[in-house]
Amino acid sequence: SVNEKGVATIVMVTHDAFSASYAKDVY
């Protein structure tokens, strides 16, 4: 929500595909 509102740019490390699916891009 805060990312889509333009409040935050986020880089997240995760092992979990479900968590990663909330991102806009997965590397």
mmCIF file of all heavy atoms, coordinates in Angstrom:
data_MODEL
# 
_entry.id   MODEL 
# 
loop_
_atom_site.group_PDB 
_atom_site.id 
_atom_site.type_symbol 
_atom_site.label_atom_id 
_atom_site.label_alt_id 
_atom_site.label_comp_id 
_atom_site.label_asym_id 
_atom_site.label_entity_id 
_atom_site.label_seq_id 
_atom_site.pdbx_PDB_ins_code 
_atom_site.Cartn_x 
_atom_site.Cartn_y 
_atom_site.Cartn_z 
_atom_site.occupancy 
_atom_site.B_iso_or_equiv 
_atom_site.pdbx_formal_charge 
_atom_site.auth_seq_id 
_atom_site.auth_comp_id 
_atom_site.auth_asym_id 
_atom_site.auth_atom_id 
_atom_site.pdbx_PDB_model_num 
ATOM 1   N N   . SER A 1 1  ? 0.824  -1.208  0.000   1.00 0.00 ? 1  SER A N   1 
ATOM 2   C CA  . SER A 1 1  ? 0.000  0.000   0.000   1.00 0.00 ? 1  SER A CA  1 
ATOM 3   C C   . SER A 1 1  ? 0.857  1.257   0.000   1.00 0.00 ? 1  SER A C   1 
ATOM 4   O O   . SER A 1 1  ? 0.638  2.169   -0.810  1.00 0.00 ? 1  SER A O   1 
ATOM 5   C CB  . SER A 1 1  ? -0.935 0.007   1.210   1.00 0.00 ? 1  SER A CB  1 
ATOM 6   O OG  . SER A 1 1  ? -1.657 1.213   1.287   1.00 0.00 ? 1  SER A OG  1 
ATOM 7   N N   . VAL A 1 2  ? 1.853  1.319   0.888   1.00 0.00 ? 2  VAL A N   1 
ATOM 8   C CA  . VAL A 1 2  ? 2.673  2.538   0.936   1.00 0.00 ? 2  VAL A CA  1 
ATOM 9   C C   . VAL A 1 2  ? 3.523  2.680   -0.319  1.00 0.00 ? 2  VAL A C   1 
ATOM 10  O O   . VAL A 1 2  ? 3.812  3.789   -0.763  1.00 0.00 ? 2  VAL A O   1 
ATOM 11  C CB  . VAL A 1 2  ? 3.563  2.597   2.212   1.00 0.00 ? 2  VAL A CB  1 
ATOM 12  C CG1 . VAL A 1 2  ? 2.714  2.683   3.466   1.00 0.00 ? 2  VAL A CG1 1 
ATOM 13  C CG2 . VAL A 1 2  ? 4.519  1.410   2.290   1.00 0.00 ? 2  VAL A CG2 1 
ATOM 14  N N   . ASN A 1 3  ? 3.902  1.561   -0.919  1.00 0.00 ? 3  ASN A N   1 
ATOM 15  C CA  . ASN A 1 3  ? 4.639  1.631   -2.184  1.00 0.00 ? 3  ASN A CA  1 
ATOM 16  C C   . ASN A 1 3  ? 3.750  2.162   -3.305  1.00 0.00 ? 3  ASN A C   1 
ATOM 17  O O   . ASN A 1 3  ? 4.152  3.033   -4.081  1.00 0.00 ? 3  ASN A O   1 
ATOM 18  C CB  . ASN A 1 3  ? 5.188  0.254   -2.544  1.00 0.00 ? 3  ASN A CB  1 
ATOM 19  C CG  . ASN A 1 3  ? 5.799  0.224   -3.926  1.00 0.00 ? 3  ASN A CG  1 
ATOM 20  O OD1 . ASN A 1 3  ? 5.200  -0.301  -4.877  1.00 0.00 ? 3  ASN A OD1 1 
ATOM 21  N ND2 . ASN A 1 3  ? 6.975  0.792   -4.079  1.00 0.00 ? 3  ASN A ND2 1 
ATOM 22  N N   . GLU A 1 4  ? 2.534  1.662   -3.390  1.00 0.00 ? 4  GLU A N   1 
ATOM 23  C CA  . GLU A 1 4  ? 1.637  2.094   -4.465  1.00 0.00 ? 4  GLU A CA  1 
ATOM 24  C C   . GLU A 1 4  ? 1.205  3.549   -4.304  1.00 0.00 ? 4  GLU A C   1 
ATOM 25  O O   . GLU A 1 4  ? 0.874  4.215   -5.292  1.00 0.00 ? 4  GLU A O   1 
ATOM 26  C CB  . GLU A 1 4  ? 0.415  1.171   -4.514  1.00 0.00 ? 4  GLU A CB  1 
ATOM 27  C CG  . GLU A 1 4  ? 0.759  -0.231  -5.034  1.00 0.00 ? 4  GLU A CG  1 
ATOM 28  C CD  . GLU A 1 4  ? -0.433 -1.166  -5.027  1.00 0.00 ? 4  GLU A CD  1 
ATOM 29  O OE1 . GLU A 1 4  ? -1.439 -0.847  -4.340  1.00 0.00 ? 4  GLU A OE1 1 
ATOM 30  O OE2 . GLU A 1 4  ? -0.366 -2.212  -5.702  1.00 0.00 ? 4  GLU A OE2 1 
ATOM 31  N N   . LYS A 1 5  ? 1.220  4.040   -3.074  1.00 0.00 ? 5  LYS A N   1 
ATOM 32  C CA  . LYS A 1 5  ? 0.899  5.447   -2.831  1.00 0.00 ? 5  LYS A CA  1 
ATOM 33  C C   . LYS A 1 5  ? 2.091  6.368   -3.071  1.00 0.00 ? 5  LYS A C   1 
ATOM 34  O O   . LYS A 1 5  ? 1.979  7.594   -2.918  1.00 0.00 ? 5  LYS A O   1 
ATOM 35  C CB  . LYS A 1 5  ? 0.391  5.630   -1.394  1.00 0.00 ? 5  LYS A CB  1 
ATOM 36  C CG  . LYS A 1 5  ? -0.973 4.993   -1.138  1.00 0.00 ? 5  LYS A CG  1 
ATOM 37  C CD  . LYS A 1 5  ? -1.356 5.109   0.329   1.00 0.00 ? 5  LYS A CD  1 
ATOM 38  C CE  . LYS A 1 5  ? -2.700 4.426   0.603   1.00 0.00 ? 5  LYS A CE  1 
ATOM 39  N NZ  . LYS A 1 5  ? -3.035 4.450   2.047   1.00 0.00 ? 5  LYS A NZ  1 
ATOM 40  N N   . GLY A 1 6  ? 3.231  5.781   -3.417  1.00 0.00 ? 6  GLY A N   1 
ATOM 41  C CA  . GLY A 1 6  ? 4.420  6.586   -3.688  1.00 0.00 ? 6  GLY A CA  1 
ATOM 42  C C   . GLY A 1 6  ? 5.185  6.995   -2.456  1.00 0.00 ? 6  GLY A C   1 
ATOM 43  O O   . GLY A 1 6  ? 6.062  7.860   -2.519  1.00 0.00 ? 6  GLY A O   1 
ATOM 44  N N   . VAL A 1 7  ? 4.873  6.373   -1.319  1.00 0.00 ? 7  VAL A N   1 
ATOM 45  C CA  . VAL A 1 7  ? 5.531  6.732   -0.057  1.00 0.00 ? 7  VAL A CA  1 
ATOM 46  C C   . VAL A 1 7  ? 6.900  6.068   0.071   1.00 0.00 ? 7  VAL A C   1 
ATOM 47  O O   . VAL A 1 7  ? 7.806  6.630   0.686   1.00 0.00 ? 7  VAL A O   1 
ATOM 48  C CB  . VAL A 1 7  ? 4.635  6.348   1.145   1.00 0.00 ? 7  VAL A CB  1 
ATOM 49  C CG1 . VAL A 1 7  ? 5.345  6.600   2.471   1.00 0.00 ? 7  VAL A CG1 1 
ATOM 50  C CG2 . VAL A 1 7  ? 3.314  7.109   1.091   1.00 0.00 ? 7  VAL A CG2 1 
ATOM 51  N N   . ALA A 1 8  ? 7.039  4.877   -0.508  1.00 0.00 ? 8  ALA A N   1 
ATOM 52  C CA  . ALA A 1 8  ? 8.253  4.105   -0.253  1.00 0.00 ? 8  ALA A CA  1 
ATOM 53  C C   . ALA A 1 8  ? 8.729  3.378   -1.500  1.00 0.00 ? 8  ALA A C   1 
ATOM 54  O O   . ALA A 1 8  ? 7.926  2.815   -2.252  1.00 0.00 ? 8  ALA A O   1 
ATOM 55  C CB  . ALA A 1 8  ? 8.004  3.093   0.862   1.00 0.00 ? 8  ALA A CB  1 
ATOM 56  N N   . THR A 1 9  ? 10.045 3.394   -1.715  1.00 0.00 ? 9  THR A N   1 
ATOM 57  C CA  . THR A 1 9  ? 10.723 2.513   -2.658  1.00 0.00 ? 9  THR A CA  1 
ATOM 58  C C   . THR A 1 9  ? 11.312 1.380   -1.833  1.00 0.00 ? 9  THR A C   1 
ATOM 59  O O   . THR A 1 9  ? 11.994 1.629   -0.838  1.00 0.00 ? 9  THR A O   1 
ATOM 60  C CB  . THR A 1 9  ? 11.829 3.268   -3.408  1.00 0.00 ? 9  THR A CB  1 
ATOM 61  O OG1 . THR A 1 9  ? 11.244 4.350   -4.133  1.00 0.00 ? 9  THR A OG1 1 
ATOM 62  C CG2 . THR A 1 9  ? 12.588 2.358   -4.351  1.00 0.00 ? 9  THR A CG2 1 
ATOM 63  N N   . ILE A 1 10 ? 11.047 0.137   -2.222  1.00 0.00 ? 10 ILE A N   1 
ATOM 64  C CA  . ILE A 1 10 ? 11.375 -1.002  -1.363  1.00 0.00 ? 10 ILE A CA  1 
ATOM 65  C C   . ILE A 1 10 ? 12.209 -2.030  -2.113  1.00 0.00 ? 10 ILE A C   1 
ATOM 66  O O   . ILE A 1 10 ? 11.908 -2.385  -3.249  1.00 0.00 ? 10 ILE A O   1 
ATOM 67  C CB  . ILE A 1 10 ? 10.085 -1.687  -0.846  1.00 0.00 ? 10 ILE A CB  1 
ATOM 68  C CG1 . ILE A 1 10 ? 9.220  -0.694  -0.063  1.00 0.00 ? 10 ILE A CG1 1 
ATOM 69  C CG2 . ILE A 1 10 ? 10.429 -2.891  0.033   1.00 0.00 ? 10 ILE A CG2 1 
ATOM 70  C CD1 . ILE A 1 10 ? 7.827  -1.213  0.266   1.00 0.00 ? 10 ILE A CD1 1 
ATOM 71  N N   . VAL A 1 11 ? 13.273 -2.503  -1.453  1.00 0.00 ? 11 VAL A N   1 
ATOM 72  C CA  . VAL A 1 11 ? 14.033 -3.663  -1.908  1.00 0.00 ? 11 VAL A CA  1 
ATOM 73  C C   . VAL A 1 11 ? 13.986 -4.694  -0.797  1.00 0.00 ? 11 VAL A C   1 
ATOM 74  O O   . VAL A 1 11 ? 14.425 -4.423  0.329   1.00 0.00 ? 11 VAL A O   1 
ATOM 75  C CB  . VAL A 1 11 ? 15.491 -3.304  -2.246  1.00 0.00 ? 11 VAL A CB  1 
ATOM 76  C CG1 . VAL A 1 11 ? 16.269 -4.564  -2.636  1.00 0.00 ? 11 VAL A CG1 1 
ATOM 77  C CG2 . VAL A 1 11 ? 15.548 -2.287  -3.378  1.00 0.00 ? 11 VAL A CG2 1 
ATOM 78  N N   . MET A 1 12 ? 13.458 -5.859  -1.107  1.00 0.00 ? 12 MET A N   1 
ATOM 79  C CA  . MET A 1 12 ? 13.218 -6.893  -0.086  1.00 0.00 ? 12 MET A CA  1 
ATOM 80  C C   . MET A 1 12 ? 13.897 -8.203  -0.494  1.00 0.00 ? 12 MET A C   1 
ATOM 81  O O   . MET A 1 12 ? 13.756 -8.662  -1.624  1.00 0.00 ? 12 MET A O   1 
ATOM 82  C CB  . MET A 1 12 ? 11.702 -7.117  0.052   1.00 0.00 ? 12 MET A CB  1 
ATOM 83  C CG  . MET A 1 12 ? 11.296 -8.289  0.930   1.00 0.00 ? 12 MET A CG  1 
ATOM 84  S SD  . MET A 1 12 ? 9.484  -8.426  1.099   1.00 0.00 ? 12 MET A SD  1 
ATOM 85  C CE  . MET A 1 12 ? 9.014  -8.972  -0.554  1.00 0.00 ? 12 MET A CE  1 
ATOM 86  N N   . VAL A 1 13 ? 14.630 -8.783  0.437   1.00 0.00 ? 13 VAL A N   1 
ATOM 87  C CA  . VAL A 1 13 ? 15.125 -10.144 0.266   1.00 0.00 ? 13 VAL A CA  1 
ATOM 88  C C   . VAL A 1 13 ? 14.140 -11.092 0.928   1.00 0.00 ? 13 VAL A C   1 
ATOM 89  O O   . VAL A 1 13 ? 13.715 -10.862 2.065   1.00 0.00 ? 13 VAL A O   1 
ATOM 90  C CB  . VAL A 1 13 ? 16.525 -10.306 0.891   1.00 0.00 ? 13 VAL A CB  1 
ATOM 91  C CG1 . VAL A 1 13 ? 16.826 -11.773 1.181   1.00 0.00 ? 13 VAL A CG1 1 
ATOM 92  C CG2 . VAL A 1 13 ? 17.589 -9.757  -0.032  1.00 0.00 ? 13 VAL A CG2 1 
ATOM 93  N N   . THR A 1 14 ? 13.754 -12.127 0.202   1.00 0.00 ? 14 THR A N   1 
ATOM 94  C CA  . THR A 1 14 ? 12.838 -13.109 0.780   1.00 0.00 ? 14 THR A CA  1 
ATOM 95  C C   . THR A 1 14 ? 13.105 -14.479 0.179   1.00 0.00 ? 14 THR A C   1 
ATOM 96  O O   . THR A 1 14 ? 13.527 -14.600 -0.977  1.00 0.00 ? 14 THR A O   1 
ATOM 97  C CB  . THR A 1 14 ? 11.364 -12.709 0.544   1.00 0.00 ? 14 THR A CB  1 
ATOM 98  O OG1 . THR A 1 14 ? 10.513 -13.700 1.135   1.00 0.00 ? 14 THR A OG1 1 
ATOM 99  C CG2 . THR A 1 14 ? 11.045 -12.566 -0.938  1.00 0.00 ? 14 THR A CG2 1 
ATOM 100 N N   . HIS A 1 15 ? 12.858 -15.520 0.970   1.00 0.00 ? 15 HIS A N   1 
ATOM 101 C CA  . HIS A 1 15 ? 12.943 -16.889 0.477   1.00 0.00 ? 15 HIS A CA  1 
ATOM 102 C C   . HIS A 1 15 ? 11.587 -17.374 -0.020  1.00 0.00 ? 15 HIS A C   1 
ATOM 103 O O   . HIS A 1 15 ? 11.484 -18.440 -0.613  1.00 0.00 ? 15 HIS A O   1 
ATOM 104 C CB  . HIS A 1 15 ? 13.408 -17.835 1.600   1.00 0.00 ? 15 HIS A CB  1 
ATOM 105 C CG  . HIS A 1 15 ? 12.389 -17.988 2.688   1.00 0.00 ? 15 HIS A CG  1 
ATOM 106 N ND1 . HIS A 1 15 ? 12.282 -17.089 3.736   1.00 0.00 ? 15 HIS A ND1 1 
ATOM 107 C CD2 . HIS A 1 15 ? 11.407 -18.900 2.869   1.00 0.00 ? 15 HIS A CD2 1 
ATOM 108 C CE1 . HIS A 1 15 ? 11.281 -17.463 4.524   1.00 0.00 ? 15 HIS A CE1 1 
ATOM 109 N NE2 . HIS A 1 15 ? 10.736 -18.545 4.011   1.00 0.00 ? 15 HIS A NE2 1 
ATOM 110 N N   . ASP A 1 16 ? 10.543 -16.587 0.240   1.00 0.00 ? 16 ASP A N   1 
ATOM 111 C CA  . ASP A 1 16 ? 9.166  -17.045 0.103   1.00 0.00 ? 16 ASP A CA  1 
ATOM 112 C C   . ASP A 1 16 ? 8.511  -16.483 -1.160  1.00 0.00 ? 16 ASP A C   1 
ATOM 113 O O   . ASP A 1 16 ? 8.429  -15.264 -1.338  1.00 0.00 ? 16 ASP A O   1 
ATOM 114 C CB  . ASP A 1 16 ? 8.392  -16.602 1.351   1.00 0.00 ? 16 ASP A CB  1 
ATOM 115 C CG  . ASP A 1 16 ? 6.922  -16.965 1.286   1.00 0.00 ? 16 ASP A CG  1 
ATOM 116 O OD1 . ASP A 1 16 ? 6.619  -18.136 1.023   1.00 0.00 ? 16 ASP A OD1 1 
ATOM 117 O OD2 . ASP A 1 16 ? 6.084  -16.072 1.491   1.00 0.00 ? 16 ASP A OD2 1 
ATOM 118 N N   . ALA A 1 17 ? 8.029  -17.360 -2.020  1.00 0.00 ? 17 ALA A N   1 
ATOM 119 C CA  . ALA A 1 17 ? 7.415  -16.933 -3.282  1.00 0.00 ? 17 ALA A CA  1 
ATOM 120 C C   . ALA A 1 17 ? 6.155  -16.106 -3.044  1.00 0.00 ? 17 ALA A C   1 
ATOM 121 O O   . ALA A 1 17 ? 5.876  -15.162 -3.790  1.00 0.00 ? 17 ALA A O   1 
ATOM 122 C CB  . ALA A 1 17 ? 7.081  -18.151 -4.139  1.00 0.00 ? 17 ALA A CB  1 
ATOM 123 N N   . PHE A 1 18 ? 5.384  -16.440 -2.022  1.00 0.00 ? 18 PHE A N   1 
ATOM 124 C CA  . PHE A 1 18 ? 4.170  -15.672 -1.746  1.00 0.00 ? 18 PHE A CA  1 
ATOM 125 C C   . PHE A 1 18 ? 4.525  -14.240 -1.363  1.00 0.00 ? 18 PHE A C   1 
ATOM 126 O O   . PHE A 1 18 ? 3.916  -13.281 -1.848  1.00 0.00 ? 18 PHE A O   1 
ATOM 127 C CB  . PHE A 1 18 ? 3.366  -16.334 -0.634  1.00 0.00 ? 18 PHE A CB  1 
ATOM 128 C CG  . PHE A 1 18 ? 2.097  -15.592 -0.300  1.00 0.00 ? 18 PHE A CG  1 
ATOM 129 C CD1 . PHE A 1 18 ? 1.012  -15.603 -1.172  1.00 0.00 ? 18 PHE A CD1 1 
ATOM 130 C CD2 . PHE A 1 18 ? 1.991  -14.865 0.875   1.00 0.00 ? 18 PHE A CD2 1 
ATOM 131 C CE1 . PHE A 1 18 ? -0.153 -14.904 -0.872  1.00 0.00 ? 18 PHE A CE1 1 
ATOM 132 C CE2 . PHE A 1 18 ? 0.830  -14.171 1.186   1.00 0.00 ? 18 PHE A CE2 1 
ATOM 133 C CZ  . PHE A 1 18 ? -0.244 -14.195 0.307   1.00 0.00 ? 18 PHE A CZ  1 
ATOM 134 N N   . SER A 1 19 ? 5.524  -14.071 -0.500  1.00 0.00 ? 19 SER A N   1 
ATOM 135 C CA  . SER A 1 19 ? 5.970  -12.720 -0.139  1.00 0.00 ? 19 SER A CA  1 
ATOM 136 C C   . SER A 1 19 ? 6.477  -11.977 -1.370  1.00 0.00 ? 19 SER A C   1 
ATOM 137 O O   . SER A 1 19 ? 6.152  -10.803 -1.580  1.00 0.00 ? 19 SER A O   1 
ATOM 138 C CB  . SER A 1 19 ? 7.080  -12.793 0.912   1.00 0.00 ? 19 SER A CB  1 
ATOM 139 O OG  . SER A 1 19 ? 6.607  -13.373 2.113   1.00 0.00 ? 19 SER A OG  1 
ATOM 140 N N   . ALA A 1 20 ? 7.255  -12.654 -2.191  1.00 0.00 ? 20 ALA A N   1 
ATOM 141 C CA  . ALA A 1 20 ? 7.811  -12.022 -3.384  1.00 0.00 ? 20 ALA A CA  1 
ATOM 142 C C   . ALA A 1 20 ? 6.725  -11.568 -4.350  1.00 0.00 ? 20 ALA A C   1 
ATOM 143 O O   . ALA A 1 20 ? 6.898  -10.580 -5.070  1.00 0.00 ? 20 ALA A O   1 
ATOM 144 C CB  . ALA A 1 20 ? 8.765  -12.988 -4.085  1.00 0.00 ? 20 ALA A CB  1 
ATOM 145 N N   . SER A 1 21 ? 5.581  -12.253 -4.347  1.00 0.00 ? 21 SER A N   1 
ATOM 146 C CA  . SER A 1 21 ? 4.508  -11.916 -5.291  1.00 0.00 ? 21 SER A CA  1 
ATOM 147 C C   . SER A 1 21 ? 3.866  -10.568 -4.994  1.00 0.00 ? 21 SER A C   1 
ATOM 148 O O   . SER A 1 21 ? 3.118  -10.043 -5.827  1.00 0.00 ? 21 SER A O   1 
ATOM 149 C CB  . SER A 1 21 ? 3.438  -13.013 -5.288  1.00 0.00 ? 21 SER A CB  1 
ATOM 150 O OG  . SER A 1 21 ? 2.686  -13.017 -4.082  1.00 0.00 ? 21 SER A OG  1 
ATOM 151 N N   . TYR A 1 22 ? 4.150  -9.974  -3.834  1.00 0.00 ? 22 TYR A N   1 
ATOM 152 C CA  . TYR A 1 22 ? 3.666  -8.629  -3.512  1.00 0.00 ? 22 TYR A CA  1 
ATOM 153 C C   . TYR A 1 22 ? 4.510  -7.547  -4.187  1.00 0.00 ? 22 TYR A C   1 
ATOM 154 O O   . TYR A 1 22 ? 4.088  -6.396  -4.272  1.00 0.00 ? 22 TYR A O   1 
ATOM 155 C CB  . TYR A 1 22 ? 3.663  -8.405  -2.004  1.00 0.00 ? 22 TYR A CB  1 
ATOM 156 C CG  . TYR A 1 22 ? 2.456  -8.997  -1.310  1.00 0.00 ? 22 TYR A CG  1 
ATOM 157 C CD1 . TYR A 1 22 ? 2.402  -10.347 -0.992  1.00 0.00 ? 22 TYR A CD1 1 
ATOM 158 C CD2 . TYR A 1 22 ? 1.356  -8.200  -0.980  1.00 0.00 ? 22 TYR A CD2 1 
ATOM 159 C CE1 . TYR A 1 22 ? 1.295  -10.894 -0.367  1.00 0.00 ? 22 TYR A CE1 1 
ATOM 160 C CE2 . TYR A 1 22 ? 0.234  -8.737  -0.357  1.00 0.00 ? 22 TYR A CE2 1 
ATOM 161 C CZ  . TYR A 1 22 ? 0.215  -10.083 -0.058  1.00 0.00 ? 22 TYR A CZ  1 
ATOM 162 O OH  . TYR A 1 22 ? -0.895 -10.622 0.549   1.00 0.00 ? 22 TYR A OH  1 
ATOM 163 N N   . ALA A 1 23 ? 5.712  -7.911  -4.630  1.00 0.00 ? 23 ALA A N   1 
ATOM 164 C CA  . ALA A 1 23 ? 6.598  -6.952  -5.275  1.00 0.00 ? 23 ALA A CA  1 
ATOM 165 C C   . ALA A 1 23 ? 6.148  -6.688  -6.709  1.00 0.00 ? 23 ALA A C   1 
ATOM 166 O O   . ALA A 1 23 ? 5.331  -7.423  -7.275  1.00 0.00 ? 23 ALA A O   1 
ATOM 167 C CB  . ALA A 1 23 ? 8.035  -7.472  -5.256  1.00 0.00 ? 23 ALA A CB  1 
ATOM 168 N N   . LYS A 1 24 ? 6.689  -5.633  -7.299  1.00 0.00 ? 24 LYS A N   1 
ATOM 169 C CA  . LYS A 1 24 ? 6.420  -5.346  -8.707  1.00 0.00 ? 24 LYS A CA  1 
ATOM 170 C C   . LYS A 1 24 ? 7.354  -6.139  -9.620  1.00 0.00 ? 24 LYS A C   1 
ATOM 171 O O   . LYS A 1 24 ? 6.980  -6.489  -10.742 1.00 0.00 ? 24 LYS A O   1 
ATOM 172 C CB  . LYS A 1 24 ? 6.591  -3.849  -8.977  1.00 0.00 ? 24 LYS A CB  1 
ATOM 173 C CG  . LYS A 1 24 ? 5.544  -2.969  -8.296  1.00 0.00 ? 24 LYS A CG  1 
ATOM 174 C CD  . LYS A 1 24 ? 5.852  -1.484  -8.510  1.00 0.00 ? 24 LYS A CD  1 
ATOM 175 C CE  . LYS A 1 24 ? 4.810  -0.598  -7.837  1.00 0.00 ? 24 LYS A CE  1 
ATOM 176 N NZ  . LYS A 1 24 ? 5.160  0.842   -7.922  1.00 0.00 ? 24 LYS A NZ  1 
ATOM 177 N N   . ASP A 1 25 ? 8.567  -6.377  -9.132  1.00 0.00 ? 25 ASP A N   1 
ATOM 178 C CA  . ASP A 1 25 ? 9.547  -7.139  -9.895  1.00 0.00 ? 25 ASP A CA  1 
ATOM 179 C C   . ASP A 1 25 ? 10.300 -8.071  -8.959  1.00 0.00 ? 25 ASP A C   1 
ATOM 180 O O   . ASP A 1 25 ? 10.603 -7.710  -7.818  1.00 0.00 ? 25 ASP A O   1 
ATOM 181 C CB  . ASP A 1 25 ? 10.554 -6.211  -10.584 1.00 0.00 ? 25 ASP A CB  1 
ATOM 182 C CG  . ASP A 1 25 ? 9.917  -5.308  -11.614 1.00 0.00 ? 25 ASP A CG  1 
ATOM 183 O OD1 . ASP A 1 25 ? 9.676  -5.779  -12.736 1.00 0.00 ? 25 ASP A OD1 1 
ATOM 184 O OD2 . ASP A 1 25 ? 9.651  -4.140  -11.288 1.00 0.00 ? 25 ASP A OD2 1 
ATOM 185 N N   . VAL A 1 26 ? 10.609 -9.246  -9.463  1.00 0.00 ? 26 VAL A N   1 
ATOM 186 C CA  . VAL A 1 26 ? 11.382 -10.229 -8.707  1.00 0.00 ? 26 VAL A CA  1 
ATOM 187 C C   . VAL A 1 26 ? 12.650 -10.548 -9.484  1.00 0.00 ? 26 VAL A C   1 
ATOM 188 O O   . VAL A 1 26 ? 12.593 -10.887 -10.673 1.00 0.00 ? 26 VAL A O   1 
ATOM 189 C CB  . VAL A 1 26 ? 10.573 -11.526 -8.466  1.00 0.00 ? 26 VAL A CB  1 
ATOM 190 C CG1 . VAL A 1 26 ? 11.453 -12.595 -7.824  1.00 0.00 ? 26 VAL A CG1 1 
ATOM 191 C CG2 . VAL A 1 26 ? 9.353  -11.249 -7.587  1.00 0.00 ? 26 VAL A CG2 1 
ATOM 192 N N   . TYR A 1 27 ? 13.785 -10.412 -8.823  1.00 0.00 ? 27 TYR A N   1 
ATOM 193 C CA  . TYR A 1 27 ? 15.069 -10.781 -9.400  1.00 0.00 ? 27 TYR A CA  1 
ATOM 194 C C   . TYR A 1 27 ? 15.552 -12.051 -8.704  1.00 0.00 ? 27 TYR A C   1 
ATOM 195 O O   . TYR A 1 27 ? 15.557 -12.116 -7.469  1.00 0.00 ? 27 TYR A O   1 
ATOM 196 C CB  . TYR A 1 27 ? 16.094 -9.667  -9.200  1.00 0.00 ? 27 TYR A CB  1 
ATOM 197 C CG  . TYR A 1 27 ? 15.835 -8.443  -10.042 1.00 0.00 ? 27 TYR A CG  1 
ATOM 198 C CD1 . TYR A 1 27 ? 14.932 -7.462  -9.630  1.00 0.00 ? 27 TYR A CD1 1 
ATOM 199 C CD2 . TYR A 1 27 ? 16.490 -8.256  -11.255 1.00 0.00 ? 27 TYR A CD2 1 
ATOM 200 C CE1 . TYR A 1 27 ? 14.691 -6.330  -10.399 1.00 0.00 ? 27 TYR A CE1 1 
ATOM 201 C CE2 . TYR A 1 27 ? 16.269 -7.131  -12.028 1.00 0.00 ? 27 TYR A CE2 1 
ATOM 202 C CZ  . TYR A 1 27 ? 15.369 -6.174  -11.596 1.00 0.00 ? 27 TYR A CZ  1 
ATOM 203 O OH  . TYR A 1 27 ? 15.131 -5.063  -12.366 1.00 0.00 ? 27 TYR A OH  1 
# 
